[in-house]
Amino acid sequence: MTKTQALEYFASDDLIGVGMAADALRAKLHPHGIASYIVDRNINHTNECTEYCSFCAFYRPMGHKEGYVLPFETIAEKIRETVELGGTGVLMQGGVNPDLKIEYFEDLFSRLKQRFPAVQLHCLSAPEILTIAEVSGLSIHDTLLRLRDAGMDSMPGAGAEILDDEVRVRIARLKCRTADWIDVHRTAHAIGMNTTATMMFGCGETVEHRVNHLETIRRLQEETGGFTAFIPWPFQPDNTPLGSKVPEEATACEFLKTLAVSRLYLDNIVNIQTSWVTQGLKVCQLGLRFGGNDVGSVMLEENVVRQAGAAHSATEEDLRRMIREAGFIPKQRDTLYRTYYLN
């Protein structure tokens, strides 16, 4: 798909037609009729942050009375509960906290791996990696190598928002630029660490900005092949400075069209995730016919988007029933999208 074609799809009034095109590509890439999900937990190890992003309701400035850094035993207990409930991994990320240097994360990850060797640690955003490298006096390459050797298995795509600096300067002027985000993920892929890619849309950007984002992701995937999945989700405005500046929240139709265009544009990324956390179960279910092949996580814990207004919840059986009712076979997966778990 070219940029021009993508813009034509965004402009089209034929939502069902766009969805059918995406569904056809989904069926080609996933011919066995399986839709996957994961049982895991989002652990936010700190909410102290120096980035002051206008779309975030989660962070607290350094030294704020509500700021925290979770003790090791608290994190370990959260993981123990996750394993007990059938979880296979954790997504761990937090604010950009310059007090936490490489030694902190090496100690944290190595101790967690000793206690939970089978749990996959899907950790840290690109902005966090950049800050760890800076405050530790290390290159991005050496930072990622040391984190990998300590037990970090893979990296989420957080911090991408919209990968177009015209948007980034407006909504997160202190956060890393597009080239920096790409550099972190390129380096992770080079050392054999898989990552995911995300897009937070509906923050006042144009559809041209969204297509620029997709093009940036597609180019890096062509170069490295290191992305396991792409996850688009709409900006949640509540309790955020940016919320009052965005005319209206992204609609369900806008979510479905963006999901479908993402599936069509990113034909070199195997997995596209449809969201229930921000959209609810019914819209998420529709997303399985708009190019999505994965419904994300049962998410035993999530703090960031909930503080910005997302209030949906789901059990594992909710996700399995939703998948079956959409005409697919539900399969539990791991962080790397391997569906070898029974059921």
C-alpha atoms as a PDB file:
ATOM      1  CA  MET A   1       0.000   0.000   0.000  1.00  0.00           C
ATOM      2  CA  THR A   2       1.276   3.466  -0.869  1.00  0.00           C
ATOM      3  CA  LYS A   3       0.805   6.564   1.258  1.00  0.00           C
ATOM      4  CA  THR A   4      -1.700   7.860  -1.294  1.00  0.00           C
ATOM      5  CA  GLN A   5      -3.740   4.661  -1.085  1.00  0.00           C
ATOM      6  CA  ALA A   6      -3.696   4.775   2.705  1.00  0.00           C
ATOM      7  CA  LEU A   7      -4.993   8.363   2.672  1.00  0.00           C
ATOM      8  CA  GLU A   8      -7.741   7.317   0.247  1.00  0.00           C
ATOM      9  CA  TYR A   9      -8.798   4.553   2.638  1.00  0.00           C
ATOM     10  CA  PHE A  10      -8.883   7.019   5.538  1.00  0.00           C
ATOM     11  CA  ALA A  11     -11.031   9.367   3.432  1.00  0.00           C
ATOM     12  CA  SER A  12     -13.416   6.627   2.293  1.00  0.00           C
ATOM     13  CA  ASP A  13     -17.001   6.492   3.540  1.00  0.00           C
ATOM     14  CA  ASP A  14     -17.037   2.738   2.890  1.00  0.00           C
ATOM     15  CA  LEU A  15     -16.030   1.559   6.363  1.00  0.00           C
ATOM     16  CA  ILE A  16     -17.212  -2.000   5.687  1.00  0.00           C
ATOM     17  CA  GLY A  17     -15.248  -2.160   2.441  1.00  0.00           C
ATOM     18  CA  VAL A  18     -12.068  -1.018   4.182  1.00  0.00           C
ATOM     19  CA  GLY A  19     -12.679  -3.602   6.891  1.00  0.00           C
ATOM     20  CA  MET A  20     -13.238  -6.399   4.370  1.00  0.00           C
ATOM     21  CA  ALA A  21      -9.952  -5.603   2.633  1.00  0.00           C
ATOM     22  CA  ALA A  22      -8.119  -5.758   5.955  1.00  0.00           C
ATOM     23  CA  ASP A  23      -9.927  -8.955   6.935  1.00  0.00           C
ATOM     24  CA  ALA A  24      -8.843 -10.587   3.680  1.00  0.00           C
ATOM     25  CA  LEU A  25      -5.193  -9.815   4.423  1.00  0.00           C
ATOM     26  CA  ARG A  26      -5.641 -11.035   7.995  1.00  0.00           C
ATOM     27  CA  ALA A  27      -7.023 -14.330   6.662  1.00  0.00           C
ATOM     28  CA  LYS A  28      -4.064 -14.688   4.308  1.00  0.00           C
ATOM     29  CA  LEU A  29      -1.544 -14.154   7.114  1.00  0.00           C
ATOM     30  CA  HIS A  30      -3.528 -16.216   9.654  1.00  0.00           C
ATOM     31  CA  PRO A  31      -5.309 -18.928   7.636  1.00  0.00           C
ATOM     32  CA  HIS A  32      -6.175 -21.199  10.581  1.00  0.00           C
ATOM     33  CA  GLY A  33      -8.881 -18.977  12.070  1.00  0.00           C
ATOM     34  CA  ILE A  34      -7.086 -18.440  15.375  1.00  0.00           C
ATOM     35  CA  ALA A  35      -7.330 -15.253  17.424  1.00  0.00           C
ATOM     36  CA  SER A  36      -4.913 -14.997  20.310  1.00  0.00           C
ATOM     37  CA  TYR A  37      -4.695 -13.362  23.732  1.00  0.00           C
ATOM     38  CA  ILE A  38      -2.238 -13.333  26.623  1.00  0.00           C
ATOM     39  CA  VAL A  39      -2.599 -13.545  30.388  1.00  0.00           C
ATOM     40  CA  ASP A  40      -0.185 -11.051  31.898  1.00  0.00           C
ATOM     41  CA  ARG A  41       0.053  -7.974  34.044  1.00  0.00           C
ATOM     42  CA  ASN A  42       1.170  -4.391  33.517  1.00  0.00           C
ATOM     43  CA  ILE A  43       3.491  -3.368  36.328  1.00  0.00           C
ATOM     44  CA  ASN A  44       4.413   0.294  36.555  1.00  0.00           C
ATOM     45  CA  HIS A  45       7.521   0.257  38.725  1.00  0.00           C
ATOM     46  CA  THR A  46       7.624   4.059  39.081  1.00  0.00           C
ATOM     47  CA  ASN A  47       5.360   6.993  38.285  1.00  0.00           C
ATOM     48  CA  GLU A  48       8.058   9.638  38.770  1.00  0.00           C
ATOM     49  CA  CYS A  49       8.870  11.242  35.442  1.00  0.00           C
ATOM     50  CA  THR A  50      10.668  14.210  33.896  1.00  0.00           C
ATOM     51  CA  GLU A  51       8.855  14.237  30.530  1.00  0.00           C
ATOM     52  CA  TYR A  52       5.603  16.093  31.447  1.00  0.00           C
ATOM     53  CA  CYS A  53       3.701  14.707  28.446  1.00  0.00           C
ATOM     54  CA  SER A  54       0.422  16.549  27.935  1.00  0.00           C
ATOM     55  CA  PHE A  55      -1.493  13.323  27.189  1.00  0.00           C
ATOM     56  CA  CYS A  56      -0.517  11.531  30.418  1.00  0.00           C
ATOM     57  CA  ALA A  57      -2.546  11.374  33.632  1.00  0.00           C
ATOM     58  CA  PHE A  58      -0.256   8.812  35.264  1.00  0.00           C
ATOM     59  CA  TYR A  59       3.066  10.547  35.888  1.00  0.00           C
ATOM     60  CA  ARG A  60       4.102  12.597  38.907  1.00  0.00           C
ATOM     61  CA  PRO A  61       7.001  15.072  38.913  1.00  0.00           C
ATOM     62  CA  MET A  62      10.195  14.021  40.654  1.00  0.00           C
ATOM     63  CA  GLY A  63       9.833  14.415  44.427  1.00  0.00           C
ATOM     64  CA  HIS A  64       6.031  14.694  44.293  1.00  0.00           C
ATOM     65  CA  LYS A  65       4.250  13.421  47.408  1.00  0.00           C
ATOM     66  CA  GLU A  66       2.358  10.890  45.266  1.00  0.00           C
ATOM     67  CA  GLY A  67       5.492   9.696  43.473  1.00  0.00           C
ATOM     68  CA  TYR A  68       6.752   6.160  44.036  1.00  0.00           C
ATOM     69  CA  VAL A  69       9.300   3.531  43.091  1.00  0.00           C
ATOM     70  CA  LEU A  70       7.952   0.071  43.876  1.00  0.00           C
ATOM     71  CA  PRO A  71      10.077  -2.054  46.225  1.00  0.00           C
ATOM     72  CA  PHE A  72      11.385  -5.331  44.811  1.00  0.00           C
ATOM     73  CA  GLU A  73       9.156  -7.471  47.019  1.00  0.00           C
ATOM     74  CA  THR A  74       6.054  -5.604  45.858  1.00  0.00           C
ATOM     75  CA  ILE A  75       6.944  -6.281  42.224  1.00  0.00           C
ATOM     76  CA  ALA A  76       7.779  -9.907  43.021  1.00  0.00           C
ATOM     77  CA  GLU A  77       4.434 -10.395  44.765  1.00  0.00           C
ATOM     78  CA  LYS A  78       2.599  -8.991  41.749  1.00  0.00           C
ATOM     79  CA  ILE A  79       4.407 -11.478  39.512  1.00  0.00           C
ATOM     80  CA  ARG A  80       3.710 -14.357  41.904  1.00  0.00           C
ATOM     81  CA  GLU A  81      -0.016 -13.545  41.762  1.00  0.00           C
ATOM     82  CA  THR A  82       0.177 -13.358  37.956  1.00  0.00           C
ATOM     83  CA  VAL A  83       1.760 -16.806  37.686  1.00  0.00           C
ATOM     84  CA  GLU A  84      -0.802 -18.219  40.110  1.00  0.00           C
ATOM     85  CA  LEU A  85      -3.574 -16.955  37.803  1.00  0.00           C
ATOM     86  CA  GLY A  86      -2.046 -18.558  34.715  1.00  0.00           C
ATOM     87  CA  GLY A  87       0.015 -15.611  33.534  1.00  0.00           C
ATOM     88  CA  THR A  88       3.136 -16.149  31.464  1.00  0.00           C
ATOM     89  CA  GLY A  89       4.736 -12.716  31.494  1.00  0.00           C
ATOM     90  CA  VAL A  90       4.670  -9.123  32.682  1.00  0.00           C
ATOM     91  CA  LEU A  91       4.857  -5.822  30.870  1.00  0.00           C
ATOM     92  CA  MET A  92       6.914  -3.545  33.089  1.00  0.00           C
ATOM     93  CA  GLN A  93       7.438   0.128  32.370  1.00  0.00           C
ATOM     94  CA  GLY A  94       7.118   3.401  34.182  1.00  0.00           C
ATOM     95  CA  GLY A  95       7.902   7.070  34.131  1.00  0.00           C
ATOM     96  CA  VAL A  96      11.217   8.353  32.824  1.00  0.00           C
ATOM     97  CA  ASN A  97      13.009   8.461  36.177  1.00  0.00           C
ATOM     98  CA  PRO A  98      16.666   9.602  35.978  1.00  0.00           C
ATOM     99  CA  ASP A  99      17.345   8.320  39.507  1.00  0.00           C
ATOM    100  CA  LEU A 100      17.115   4.727  38.218  1.00  0.00           C
ATOM    101  CA  LYS A 101      20.406   3.822  36.545  1.00  0.00           C
ATOM    102  CA  ILE A 102      21.466   0.643  34.777  1.00  0.00           C
ATOM    103  CA  GLU A 103      22.503  -1.056  38.019  1.00  0.00           C
ATOM    104  CA  TYR A 104      18.975  -0.710  39.408  1.00  0.00           C
ATOM    105  CA  PHE A 105      17.456  -2.531  36.437  1.00  0.00           C
ATOM    106  CA  GLU A 106      20.210  -5.168  36.277  1.00  0.00           C
ATOM    107  CA  ASP A 107      19.567  -6.011  39.920  1.00  0.00           C
ATOM    108  CA  LEU A 108      15.776  -5.958  39.459  1.00  0.00           C
ATOM    109  CA  PHE A 109      15.675  -8.140  36.346  1.00  0.00           C
ATOM    110  CA  SER A 110      18.264 -10.648  37.511  1.00  0.00           C
ATOM    111  CA  ARG A 111      16.522 -11.150  40.859  1.00  0.00           C
ATOM    112  CA  LEU A 112      13.140 -11.541  39.156  1.00  0.00           C
ATOM    113  CA  LYS A 113      14.573 -14.116  36.724  1.00  0.00           C
ATOM    114  CA  GLN A 114      16.086 -16.075  39.592  1.00  0.00           C
ATOM    115  CA  ARG A 115      12.731 -16.222  41.341  1.00  0.00           C
ATOM    116  CA  PHE A 116      10.528 -16.611  38.217  1.00  0.00           C
ATOM    117  CA  PRO A 117      12.734 -18.123  35.487  1.00  0.00           C
ATOM    118  CA  ALA A 118       9.810 -18.981  33.163  1.00  0.00           C
ATOM    119  CA  VAL A 119       8.159 -15.539  33.279  1.00  0.00           C
ATOM    120  CA  GLN A 120       8.845 -13.356  30.256  1.00  0.00           C
ATOM    121  CA  LEU A 121       9.974  -9.840  31.111  1.00  0.00           C
ATOM    122  CA  HIS A 122       8.615  -7.471  28.457  1.00  0.00           C
ATOM    123  CA  CYS A 123      10.047  -4.236  29.779  1.00  0.00           C
ATOM    124  CA  LEU A 124      10.866  -0.555  29.377  1.00  0.00           C
ATOM    125  CA  SER A 125       9.961   1.982  26.720  1.00  0.00           C
ATOM    126  CA  ALA A 126      12.372   3.601  24.301  1.00  0.00           C
ATOM    127  CA  PRO A 127      12.363   6.897  26.291  1.00  0.00           C
ATOM    128  CA  GLU A 128      13.270   4.923  29.432  1.00  0.00           C
ATOM    129  CA  ILE A 129      16.112   3.162  27.609  1.00  0.00           C
ATOM    130  CA  LEU A 130      17.456   6.495  26.346  1.00  0.00           C
ATOM    131  CA  THR A 131      17.450   7.979  29.864  1.00  0.00           C
ATOM    132  CA  ILE A 132      19.041   4.886  31.429  1.00  0.00           C
ATOM    133  CA  ALA A 133      21.814   5.085  28.827  1.00  0.00           C
ATOM    134  CA  GLU A 134      22.336   8.816  29.404  1.00  0.00           C
ATOM    135  CA  VAL A 135      22.437   8.774  33.219  1.00  0.00           C
ATOM    136  CA  SER A 136      24.609   5.625  33.218  1.00  0.00           C
ATOM    137  CA  GLY A 137      27.114   6.976  30.694  1.00  0.00           C
ATOM    138  CA  LEU A 138      26.455   4.141  28.246  1.00  0.00           C
ATOM    139  CA  SER A 139      25.582   3.726  24.598  1.00  0.00           C
ATOM    140  CA  ILE A 140      22.108   2.473  23.685  1.00  0.00           C
ATOM    141  CA  HIS A 141      23.724  -0.731  22.412  1.00  0.00           C
ATOM    142  CA  ASP A 142      25.567  -1.437  25.657  1.00  0.00           C
ATOM    143  CA  THR A 143      22.534  -0.506  27.746  1.00  0.00           C
ATOM    144  CA  LEU A 144      20.327  -2.995  25.910  1.00  0.00           C
ATOM    145  CA  LEU A 145      22.996  -5.700  26.039  1.00  0.00           C
ATOM    146  CA  ARG A 146      23.316  -5.358  29.796  1.00  0.00           C
ATOM    147  CA  LEU A 147      19.547  -5.344  30.286  1.00  0.00           C
ATOM    148  CA  ARG A 148      19.192  -8.414  28.061  1.00  0.00           C
ATOM    149  CA  ASP A 149      21.920 -10.240  29.941  1.00  0.00           C
ATOM    150  CA  ALA A 150      20.226  -9.373  33.233  1.00  0.00           C
ATOM    151  CA  GLY A 151      16.951 -10.984  32.093  1.00  0.00           C
ATOM    152  CA  MET A 152      14.948  -8.518  29.989  1.00  0.00           C
ATOM    153  CA  ASP A 153      13.398 -10.629  27.229  1.00  0.00           C
ATOM    154  CA  SER A 154      11.687  -8.108  24.940  1.00  0.00           C
ATOM    155  CA  MET A 155      10.598  -4.485  24.768  1.00  0.00           C
ATOM    156  CA  PRO A 156       7.170  -2.873  24.315  1.00  0.00           C
ATOM    157  CA  GLY A 157       6.494  -0.100  21.822  1.00  0.00           C
ATOM    158  CA  ALA A 158       5.471   2.535  24.351  1.00  0.00           C
ATOM    159  CA  GLY A 159       6.636   6.090  23.851  1.00  0.00           C
ATOM    160  CA  ALA A 160       5.881   6.058  20.128  1.00  0.00           C
ATOM    161  CA  GLU A 161       2.620   8.032  20.305  1.00  0.00           C
ATOM    162  CA  ILE A 162       2.760   9.489  16.766  1.00  0.00           C
ATOM    163  CA  LEU A 163       6.127   9.059  15.064  1.00  0.00           C
ATOM    164  CA  ASP A 164       6.091  12.452  13.408  1.00  0.00           C
ATOM    165  CA  ASP A 165       8.042  15.206  15.108  1.00  0.00           C
ATOM    166  CA  GLU A 166       5.488  17.871  14.206  1.00  0.00           C
ATOM    167  CA  VAL A 167       3.078  16.065  16.541  1.00  0.00           C
ATOM    168  CA  ARG A 168       5.654  15.037  19.137  1.00  0.00           C
ATOM    169  CA  VAL A 169       6.807  18.622  19.711  1.00  0.00           C
ATOM    170  CA  ARG A 170       3.213  19.637  20.376  1.00  0.00           C
ATOM    171  CA  ILE A 171       2.106  16.836  22.733  1.00  0.00           C
ATOM    172  CA  ALA A 172       5.393  15.797  24.378  1.00  0.00           C
ATOM    173  CA  ARG A 173       8.040  18.421  23.749  1.00  0.00           C
ATOM    174  CA  LEU A 174      10.542  16.900  26.208  1.00  0.00           C
ATOM    175  CA  LYS A 175      10.188  13.325  24.956  1.00  0.00           C
ATOM    176  CA  CYS A 176      12.533  11.684  22.466  1.00  0.00           C
ATOM    177  CA  ARG A 177      12.115  12.442  18.794  1.00  0.00           C
ATOM    178  CA  THR A 178      11.116   9.933  16.106  1.00  0.00           C
ATOM    179  CA  ALA A 179      14.716   9.129  15.111  1.00  0.00           C
ATOM    180  CA  ASP A 180      15.596   8.353  18.744  1.00  0.00           C
ATOM    181  CA  TRP A 181      12.669   5.971  19.181  1.00  0.00           C
ATOM    182  CA  ILE A 182      13.605   4.202  15.951  1.00  0.00           C
ATOM    183  CA  ASP A 183      17.258   3.996  16.995  1.00  0.00           C
ATOM    184  CA  VAL A 184      16.385   2.208  20.245  1.00  0.00           C
ATOM    185  CA  HIS A 185      14.209  -0.365  18.482  1.00  0.00           C
ATOM    186  CA  ARG A 186      16.695  -0.859  15.656  1.00  0.00           C
ATOM    187  CA  THR A 187      19.414  -1.523  18.231  1.00  0.00           C
ATOM    188  CA  ALA A 188      17.203  -3.939  20.163  1.00  0.00           C
ATOM    189  CA  HIS A 189      16.498  -5.878  16.974  1.00  0.00           C
ATOM    190  CA  ALA A 190      20.221  -5.944  16.152  1.00  0.00           C
ATOM    191  CA  ILE A 191      21.016  -7.777  19.395  1.00  0.00           C
ATOM    192  CA  GLY A 192      18.200 -10.285  18.858  1.00  0.00           C
ATOM    193  CA  MET A 193      15.606  -8.654  21.103  1.00  0.00           C
ATOM    194  CA  ASN A 194      12.075  -8.508  19.680  1.00  0.00           C
ATOM    195  CA  THR A 195       9.895  -5.483  20.278  1.00  0.00           C
ATOM    196  CA  THR A 196       6.367  -4.337  19.533  1.00  0.00           C
ATOM    197  CA  ALA A 197       5.251  -1.103  17.874  1.00  0.00           C
ATOM    198  CA  THR A 198       2.347   1.073  18.966  1.00  0.00           C
ATOM    199  CA  MET A 199       0.441   4.136  17.831  1.00  0.00           C
ATOM    200  CA  MET A 200      -1.604   6.421  20.055  1.00  0.00           C
ATOM    201  CA  PHE A 201      -3.910   8.323  17.725  1.00  0.00           C
ATOM    202  CA  GLY A 202      -6.705  10.837  18.191  1.00  0.00           C
ATOM    203  CA  CYS A 203      -4.486  13.414  19.903  1.00  0.00           C
ATOM    204  CA  GLY A 204      -5.108  16.150  17.345  1.00  0.00           C
ATOM    205  CA  GLU A 205      -2.915  14.742  14.585  1.00  0.00           C
ATOM    206  CA  THR A 206      -3.950  14.496  10.933  1.00  0.00           C
ATOM    207  CA  VAL A 207      -4.395  11.256   9.009  1.00  0.00           C
ATOM    208  CA  GLU A 208      -1.233  12.253   7.126  1.00  0.00           C
ATOM    209  CA  HIS A 209       0.623  12.090  10.435  1.00  0.00           C
ATOM    210  CA  ARG A 210      -0.789   8.611  11.064  1.00  0.00           C
ATOM    211  CA  VAL A 211       0.346   7.415   7.659  1.00  0.00           C
ATOM    212  CA  ASN A 212       3.818   8.872   8.285  1.00  0.00           C
ATOM    213  CA  HIS A 213       3.878   6.833  11.489  1.00  0.00           C
ATOM    214  CA  LEU A 214       2.923   3.646   9.659  1.00  0.00           C
ATOM    215  CA  GLU A 215       5.529   4.273   6.976  1.00  0.00           C
ATOM    216  CA  THR A 216       8.246   4.741   9.606  1.00  0.00           C
ATOM    217  CA  ILE A 217       7.312   1.451  11.267  1.00  0.00           C
ATOM    218  CA  ARG A 218       7.099  -0.409   7.958  1.00  0.00           C
ATOM    219  CA  ARG A 219      10.542   0.779   6.877  1.00  0.00           C
ATOM    220  CA  LEU A 220      12.201  -0.398  10.081  1.00  0.00           C
ATOM    221  CA  GLN A 221      10.421  -3.747   9.842  1.00  0.00           C
ATOM    222  CA  GLU A 222      11.715  -4.144   6.284  1.00  0.00           C
ATOM    223  CA  GLU A 223      15.208  -3.477   7.600  1.00  0.00           C
ATOM    224  CA  THR A 224      15.202  -5.632  10.739  1.00  0.00           C
ATOM    225  CA  GLY A 225      12.088  -7.848  10.939  1.00  0.00           C
ATOM    226  CA  GLY A 226      12.166  -7.346  14.705  1.00  0.00           C
ATOM    227  CA  PHE A 227       8.601  -6.225  15.426  1.00  0.00           C
ATOM    228  CA  THR A 228       6.304  -9.017  16.607  1.00  0.00           C
ATOM    229  CA  ALA A 229       3.126  -6.927  16.577  1.00  0.00           C
ATOM    230  CA  PHE A 230       1.564  -3.527  16.010  1.00  0.00           C
ATOM    231  CA  ILE A 231      -0.922  -2.104  18.524  1.00  0.00           C
ATOM    232  CA  PRO A 232      -2.930   1.032  17.666  1.00  0.00           C
ATOM    233  CA  TRP A 233      -5.082   2.606  20.362  1.00  0.00           C
ATOM    234  CA  PRO A 234      -6.917   5.919  20.771  1.00  0.00           C
ATOM    235  CA  PHE A 235      -5.868   8.706  23.132  1.00  0.00           C
ATOM    236  CA  GLN A 236      -7.807   8.734  26.398  1.00  0.00           C
ATOM    237  CA  PRO A 237      -8.409  12.374  27.361  1.00  0.00           C
ATOM    238  CA  ASP A 238      -9.671  12.367  30.947  1.00  0.00           C
ATOM    239  CA  ASN A 239      -7.476  14.029  33.585  1.00  0.00           C
ATOM    240  CA  THR A 240      -4.897  15.104  30.999  1.00  0.00           C
ATOM    241  CA  PRO A 241      -3.825  18.633  29.969  1.00  0.00           C
ATOM    242  CA  LEU A 242      -4.207  17.667  26.311  1.00  0.00           C
ATOM    243  CA  GLY A 243      -7.769  16.428  26.782  1.00  0.00           C
ATOM    244  CA  SER A 244      -9.307  19.913  26.708  1.00  0.00           C
ATOM    245  CA  LYS A 245      -7.427  20.776  23.508  1.00  0.00           C
ATOM    246  CA  VAL A 246      -8.606  17.830  21.420  1.00  0.00           C
ATOM    247  CA  PRO A 247     -11.996  18.553  19.800  1.00  0.00           C
ATOM    248  CA  GLU A 248     -13.464  15.093  20.370  1.00  0.00           C
ATOM    249  CA  GLU A 249     -12.441  11.616  21.411  1.00  0.00           C
ATOM    250  CA  ALA A 250     -11.774   9.099  18.625  1.00  0.00           C
ATOM    251  CA  THR A 251     -14.954   7.186  17.769  1.00  0.00           C
ATOM    252  CA  ALA A 252     -15.366   3.443  17.422  1.00  0.00           C
ATOM    253  CA  CYS A 253     -15.596   3.856  13.634  1.00  0.00           C
ATOM    254  CA  GLU A 254     -12.357   5.813  13.618  1.00  0.00           C
ATOM    255  CA  PHE A 255     -10.681   3.115  15.674  1.00  0.00           C
ATOM    256  CA  LEU A 256     -11.867   0.374  13.313  1.00  0.00           C
ATOM    257  CA  LYS A 257     -10.777   2.266  10.203  1.00  0.00           C
ATOM    258  CA  THR A 258      -7.345   3.030  11.709  1.00  0.00           C
ATOM    259  CA  LEU A 259      -6.984  -0.603  12.711  1.00  0.00           C
ATOM    260  CA  ALA A 260      -7.876  -1.753   9.187  1.00  0.00           C
ATOM    261  CA  VAL A 261      -5.511   0.680   7.464  1.00  0.00           C
ATOM    262  CA  SER A 262      -2.758  -0.392   9.873  1.00  0.00           C
ATOM    263  CA  ARG A 263      -3.321  -4.021   8.899  1.00  0.00           C
ATOM    264  CA  LEU A 264      -3.165  -3.207   5.190  1.00  0.00           C
ATOM    265  CA  TYR A 265      -0.180  -0.870   5.393  1.00  0.00           C
ATOM    266  CA  LEU A 266       1.915  -3.047   7.696  1.00  0.00           C
ATOM    267  CA  ASP A 267       1.767  -6.195   5.604  1.00  0.00           C
ATOM    268  CA  ASN A 268       5.245  -7.117   6.884  1.00  0.00           C
ATOM    269  CA  ILE A 269       4.158  -7.285  10.534  1.00  0.00           C
ATOM    270  CA  VAL A 270       2.355 -10.536  11.239  1.00  0.00           C
ATOM    271  CA  ASN A 271       0.253  -9.568  14.257  1.00  0.00           C
ATOM    272  CA  ILE A 272      -2.137  -6.647  14.663  1.00  0.00           C
ATOM    273  CA  GLN A 273      -3.815  -6.175  18.029  1.00  0.00           C
ATOM    274  CA  THR A 274      -7.355  -4.896  18.510  1.00  0.00           C
ATOM    275  CA  SER A 275      -8.072  -3.121  21.794  1.00  0.00           C
ATOM    276  CA  TRP A 276     -10.701  -3.792  24.435  1.00  0.00           C
ATOM    277  CA  VAL A 277      -9.044  -1.721  27.185  1.00  0.00           C
ATOM    278  CA  THR A 278      -9.918   1.560  25.479  1.00  0.00           C
ATOM    279  CA  GLN A 279     -12.809   0.432  23.239  1.00  0.00           C
ATOM    280  CA  GLY A 280     -14.654  -2.242  25.190  1.00  0.00           C
ATOM    281  CA  LEU A 281     -15.341  -5.854  24.252  1.00  0.00           C
ATOM    282  CA  LYS A 282     -17.867  -5.285  21.458  1.00  0.00           C
ATOM    283  CA  VAL A 283     -15.699  -2.903  19.444  1.00  0.00           C
ATOM    284  CA  CYS A 284     -12.672  -5.100  20.099  1.00  0.00           C
ATOM    285  CA  GLN A 285     -14.660  -8.032  18.716  1.00  0.00           C
ATOM    286  CA  LEU A 286     -15.489  -6.068  15.571  1.00  0.00           C
ATOM    287  CA  GLY A 287     -11.778  -5.385  15.262  1.00  0.00           C
ATOM    288  CA  LEU A 288     -11.239  -9.083  14.592  1.00  0.00           C
ATOM    289  CA  ARG A 289     -13.045  -8.486  11.272  1.00  0.00           C
ATOM    290  CA  PHE A 290     -11.123  -5.282  10.587  1.00  0.00           C
ATOM    291  CA  GLY A 291      -7.677  -6.861  10.418  1.00  0.00           C
ATOM    292  CA  GLY A 292      -6.952  -7.734  14.037  1.00  0.00           C
ATOM    293  CA  ASN A 293      -5.825 -11.250  14.942  1.00  0.00           C
ATOM    294  CA  ASP A 294      -5.083 -10.678  18.623  1.00  0.00           C
ATOM    295  CA  VAL A 295      -7.164  -9.152  21.423  1.00  0.00           C
ATOM    296  CA  GLY A 296      -4.304  -8.324  23.765  1.00  0.00           C
ATOM    297  CA  SER A 297      -4.122  -9.148  27.425  1.00  0.00           C
ATOM    298  CA  VAL A 298      -6.493 -10.180  30.163  1.00  0.00           C
ATOM    299  CA  MET A 299      -4.421  -7.500  31.922  1.00  0.00           C
ATOM    300  CA  LEU A 300      -4.610  -8.407  35.571  1.00  0.00           C
ATOM    301  CA  GLU A 301      -3.413  -4.886  36.331  1.00  0.00           C
ATOM    302  CA  GLU A 302      -3.186  -1.663  34.297  1.00  0.00           C
ATOM    303  CA  ASN A 303      -2.694   1.854  35.633  1.00  0.00           C
ATOM    304  CA  VAL A 304      -1.755   4.294  32.887  1.00  0.00           C
ATOM    305  CA  VAL A 305      -4.777   4.469  30.555  1.00  0.00           C
ATOM    306  CA  ARG A 306      -7.178   3.838  33.436  1.00  0.00           C
ATOM    307  CA  GLN A 307      -6.070   7.107  35.040  1.00  0.00           C
ATOM    308  CA  ALA A 308      -6.912   8.771  31.719  1.00  0.00           C
ATOM    309  CA  GLY A 309     -10.475   7.468  31.740  1.00  0.00           C
ATOM    310  CA  ALA A 310     -10.462   3.890  30.367  1.00  0.00           C
ATOM    311  CA  ALA A 311     -12.751   1.812  32.578  1.00  0.00           C
ATOM    312  CA  HIS A 312     -13.304  -1.475  30.724  1.00  0.00           C
ATOM    313  CA  SER A 313     -12.405  -4.830  32.276  1.00  0.00           C
ATOM    314  CA  ALA A 314     -12.363  -8.440  31.078  1.00  0.00           C
ATOM    315  CA  THR A 315     -11.705 -11.940  32.346  1.00  0.00           C
ATOM    316  CA  GLU A 316      -9.997 -14.661  30.367  1.00  0.00           C
ATOM    317  CA  GLU A 317     -13.373 -16.287  29.690  1.00  0.00           C
ATOM    318  CA  ASP A 318     -14.733 -12.931  28.471  1.00  0.00           C
ATOM    319  CA  LEU A 319     -11.956 -12.787  25.858  1.00  0.00           C
ATOM    320  CA  ARG A 320     -12.386 -16.425  24.851  1.00  0.00           C
ATOM    321  CA  ARG A 321     -16.156 -16.034  24.466  1.00  0.00           C
ATOM    322  CA  MET A 322     -15.713 -12.828  22.464  1.00  0.00           C
ATOM    323  CA  ILE A 323     -13.268 -14.573  20.118  1.00  0.00           C
ATOM    324  CA  ARG A 324     -15.531 -17.607  19.651  1.00  0.00           C
ATOM    325  CA  GLU A 325     -18.589 -15.443  18.950  1.00  0.00           C
ATOM    326  CA  ALA A 326     -16.617 -13.630  16.244  1.00  0.00           C
ATOM    327  CA  GLY A 327     -16.035 -16.981  14.534  1.00  0.00           C
ATOM    328  CA  PHE A 328     -12.451 -17.612  15.621  1.00  0.00           C
ATOM    329  CA  ILE A 329     -10.634 -20.189  17.727  1.00  0.00           C
ATOM    330  CA  PRO A 330      -9.266 -18.662  20.951  1.00  0.00           C
ATOM    331  CA  LYS A 331      -5.650 -19.478  21.777  1.00  0.00           C
ATOM    332  CA  GLN A 332      -3.574 -18.268  24.666  1.00  0.00           C
ATOM    333  CA  ARG A 333      -0.179 -16.973  23.542  1.00  0.00           C
ATOM    334  CA  ASP A 334       3.042 -15.800  25.115  1.00  0.00           C
ATOM    335  CA  THR A 335       4.754 -12.424  24.772  1.00  0.00           C
ATOM    336  CA  LEU A 336       6.344 -13.425  21.449  1.00  0.00           C
ATOM    337  CA  TYR A 337       2.974 -14.495  20.008  1.00  0.00           C
ATOM    338  CA  ARG A 338       3.690 -18.211  20.247  1.00  0.00           C
ATOM    339  CA  THR A 339       0.362 -20.001  20.746  1.00  0.00           C
ATOM    340  CA  TYR A 340       1.691 -23.289  22.058  1.00  0.00           C
ATOM    341  CA  TYR A 341      -0.257 -23.064  25.300  1.00  0.00           C
ATOM    342  CA  LEU A 342      -3.159 -25.485  25.499  1.00  0.00           C
ATOM    343  CA  ASN A 343      -6.854 -24.424  25.297  1.00  0.00           C
END
